[in-house]
Protein backbone atom coordinates (compact mmCIF):
# COMPACT_ATOMS: atom_id res chain seq x y z
CA MET A 1 270.88 -252.70 -160.06
CA SER A 2 269.82 -252.45 -156.38
CA GLY A 3 271.53 -249.09 -156.65
CA GLU A 4 269.88 -248.02 -159.41
CA TYR A 5 266.80 -249.12 -158.45
CA LEU A 6 266.88 -247.70 -154.74
CA GLU A 7 268.44 -243.93 -156.50
CA LEU A 8 265.11 -244.45 -158.83
CA ILE A 9 262.99 -244.59 -155.82
CA SER A 10 264.66 -242.32 -153.72
CA LEU A 11 264.06 -240.14 -157.02
CA ASN A 12 261.02 -240.92 -157.18
CA ILE A 13 260.09 -239.36 -153.92
CA TRP A 14 262.66 -236.50 -154.04
CA HIS A 15 259.47 -236.29 -157.15
CA ILE A 16 256.83 -236.64 -155.16
CA VAL A 17 258.22 -234.13 -152.20
CA VAL A 18 259.43 -231.05 -154.98
CA THR A 19 255.77 -231.88 -156.21
CA ILE A 20 253.80 -232.04 -153.07
CA ILE A 21 255.89 -228.65 -152.01
CA ASN A 22 255.10 -227.41 -155.15
CA LEU A 23 251.38 -228.34 -154.64
CA LEU A 24 251.66 -226.23 -151.68
CA LEU A 25 253.43 -223.02 -152.65
CA LEU A 26 250.64 -222.96 -155.67
CA MET A 27 247.83 -223.34 -153.07
CA LEU A 28 249.47 -220.52 -150.92
CA ILE A 29 250.08 -218.13 -153.52
CA LEU A 30 246.53 -219.01 -154.47
CA LYS A 31 245.13 -218.27 -151.74
CA LYS A 32 247.08 -214.69 -150.09
CA PHE A 33 246.83 -213.66 -153.92
CA LEU A 34 243.57 -215.30 -155.35
CA TRP A 35 241.16 -216.86 -153.15
CA LYS A 36 240.48 -213.37 -151.31
CA PRO A 37 239.73 -211.62 -154.43
CA VAL A 38 237.78 -214.18 -155.36
CA LYS A 39 235.86 -214.27 -151.83
CA LYS A 40 235.63 -211.08 -152.30
CA VAL A 41 233.66 -210.16 -155.68
CA MET A 42 231.31 -213.68 -154.52
CA ALA A 43 230.56 -212.29 -151.08
CA GLU A 44 229.61 -208.98 -153.95
CA ARG A 45 227.22 -210.74 -156.00
CA GLN A 46 225.62 -212.77 -152.31
CA GLY A 47 225.06 -208.92 -151.66
CA GLN A 48 223.96 -207.85 -154.65
CA VAL A 49 221.76 -211.52 -155.11
CA ASP A 50 220.36 -210.59 -151.01
CA ASP A 51 219.47 -207.44 -152.00
CA ILE A 52 217.52 -208.36 -155.43
CA TYR A 53 215.78 -210.96 -153.03
CA ARG A 54 215.20 -208.30 -150.72
CA THR A 55 213.59 -205.29 -152.78
CA ALA A 56 211.90 -208.56 -154.63
CA GLU A 57 209.40 -209.34 -151.97
CA GLU A 58 209.30 -205.04 -150.52
CA SER A 59 208.28 -205.17 -153.82
CA ALA A 60 205.47 -207.97 -153.45
CA ALA A 61 204.73 -206.34 -150.10
CA ALA A 62 204.08 -202.97 -151.01
CA ALA A 63 201.82 -204.49 -154.21
CA GLU A 64 200.09 -206.68 -151.39
CA ARG A 65 199.23 -203.31 -149.46
CA ASP A 66 197.75 -201.64 -152.68
CA ARG A 67 195.98 -204.52 -153.69
CA GLN A 68 194.10 -204.18 -150.34
CA LEU A 69 193.63 -201.05 -150.40
CA TYR A 70 192.42 -200.69 -154.31
CA SER A 71 189.79 -203.61 -152.50
CA GLU A 72 188.97 -201.37 -150.47
CA LYS A 73 188.31 -198.92 -152.52
CA LEU A 74 186.68 -200.58 -155.38
CA SER A 75 183.90 -201.55 -152.30
CA HIS A 76 183.95 -198.58 -150.41
CA ALA A 77 183.18 -197.09 -154.49
CA GLN A 78 180.43 -199.93 -154.18
CA ASP A 79 178.82 -198.59 -151.75
CA GLU A 80 178.55 -195.19 -152.36
CA ALA A 81 177.19 -196.10 -155.55
CA GLU A 82 174.75 -197.66 -154.31
CA THR A 83 173.95 -195.30 -151.82
CA ILE A 84 173.81 -192.89 -154.23
CA VAL A 85 170.88 -194.92 -156.43
CA LYS A 86 169.13 -195.33 -153.42
CA ALA A 87 168.91 -191.34 -152.96
CA ALA A 88 168.15 -190.68 -156.26
CA THR A 89 165.48 -193.44 -156.88
CA GLU A 90 164.14 -191.78 -153.05
CA ARG A 91 164.50 -188.33 -154.26
CA ALA A 92 162.85 -189.40 -157.55
CA ASP A 93 159.14 -191.26 -155.96
CA ARG A 94 159.10 -187.71 -154.18
CA LEU A 95 159.01 -185.39 -157.12
CA GLY A 96 156.77 -187.89 -159.20
CA ASP A 97 154.52 -188.24 -155.71
CA GLU A 98 154.66 -184.11 -155.39
CA ILE A 99 153.97 -184.21 -159.59
CA ILE A 100 151.32 -185.56 -159.23
CA GLU A 101 149.50 -184.65 -156.34
CA ASN A 102 150.27 -180.88 -157.93
CA ALA A 103 148.28 -182.47 -160.48
CA ARG A 104 145.58 -183.82 -158.66
CA LYS A 105 145.25 -179.94 -157.20
CA LYS A 106 145.27 -178.28 -161.32
CA ALA A 107 142.96 -180.57 -161.60
CA ALA A 108 140.58 -180.21 -158.43
CA ASP A 109 140.92 -176.17 -159.01
CA THR A 110 140.14 -176.33 -162.77
CA MET A 111 137.12 -178.68 -162.33
CA LYS A 112 136.72 -176.30 -159.19
CA LYS A 113 136.60 -173.01 -161.92
CA ALA A 114 134.79 -174.90 -164.36
CA GLU A 115 132.09 -175.51 -161.84
CA ASN A 116 132.18 -171.77 -160.30
CA ASP A 117 131.63 -170.56 -164.01
CA ILE A 118 129.47 -172.95 -164.98
CA GLU A 119 127.14 -171.59 -162.19
CA LEU A 120 127.59 -167.87 -163.73
CA GLU A 121 126.87 -168.30 -166.80
CA LYS A 122 123.85 -170.58 -165.12
CA LYS A 123 123.30 -166.63 -163.58
CA LYS A 124 123.56 -165.00 -166.88
CA ALA A 125 121.76 -167.06 -168.20
CA MET A 126 118.85 -166.59 -165.24
CA ASN A 127 119.67 -163.11 -165.31
CA ASP A 128 119.01 -163.01 -169.35
CA LEU A 129 115.65 -164.99 -169.18
CA LYS A 130 114.44 -163.23 -166.17
CA ASN A 131 114.67 -159.54 -168.69
CA GLU A 132 113.57 -161.86 -171.59
CA ILE A 133 110.14 -163.06 -169.85
CA SER A 134 109.60 -160.37 -168.09
CA GLY A 135 109.88 -157.82 -170.94
CA ILE A 136 107.50 -160.50 -172.61
CA SER A 137 105.30 -161.27 -170.04
CA VAL A 138 105.15 -157.04 -169.53
CA GLN A 139 104.18 -156.78 -173.20
CA ILE A 140 101.62 -159.85 -172.82
CA ALA A 141 100.21 -157.40 -169.73
CA GLU A 142 99.98 -154.52 -171.57
CA SER A 143 98.40 -156.24 -174.75
CA VAL A 144 96.16 -158.00 -172.24
CA VAL A 145 95.76 -155.32 -169.45
CA GLY A 146 95.73 -151.89 -172.25
CA ARG A 147 97.38 -150.21 -170.34
CA GLU A 148 100.70 -149.96 -169.35
CA ILE A 149 102.19 -150.81 -165.76
CA SER A 150 104.73 -148.89 -163.10
CA GLU A 151 107.87 -150.65 -162.45
CA ASP A 152 106.44 -151.89 -159.13
CA ASP A 153 103.99 -153.03 -160.45
CA HIS A 154 106.33 -154.85 -162.86
CA ARG A 155 108.77 -156.32 -160.27
CA GLN A 156 105.97 -157.56 -158.63
CA LEU A 157 104.82 -159.39 -162.18
CA ILE A 158 108.05 -160.79 -162.71
CA ASP A 159 108.80 -162.47 -159.68
CA SER A 160 105.63 -164.53 -158.89
CA PHE A 161 106.10 -165.28 -162.37
CA ILE A 162 109.01 -166.67 -161.79
CA ASP A 163 108.13 -168.01 -158.67
CA GLN A 164 105.41 -169.87 -160.33
CA LEU A 165 108.36 -171.88 -163.06
């Protein structure tokens, strides 16, 4: 038994040694034919992932720049809108003041014209009244005196009569 036992142990040892050699050969073959291509694929995949992250970071940075630019433009647009509204309000106030001033001038001119028209009508009425009174006074004087009065006498009588009125 001891011979068989030794033979069995020796066989097991050879079996283990052959298995280890097979394992080492398999590892060398895998390393040579499989490990390098897998490593290459992994490196390419890592490069793609890195590119995706870099692109994402660049896009985020560009988006942040665009957001800042938009905020600045929006701020400038609000300032410009306030300036435009302020200028339009000032212009409207000036225009309103000009319209009011023009209306006052037209009203003053209309009042002055009306006063002048009234004065002219007054003078015209006075002249008409003078003529009528002079005609009546001449008739009264002719009937009182019984004679005809000359033109100069007539004017003197009219002027003195008007002065007394």
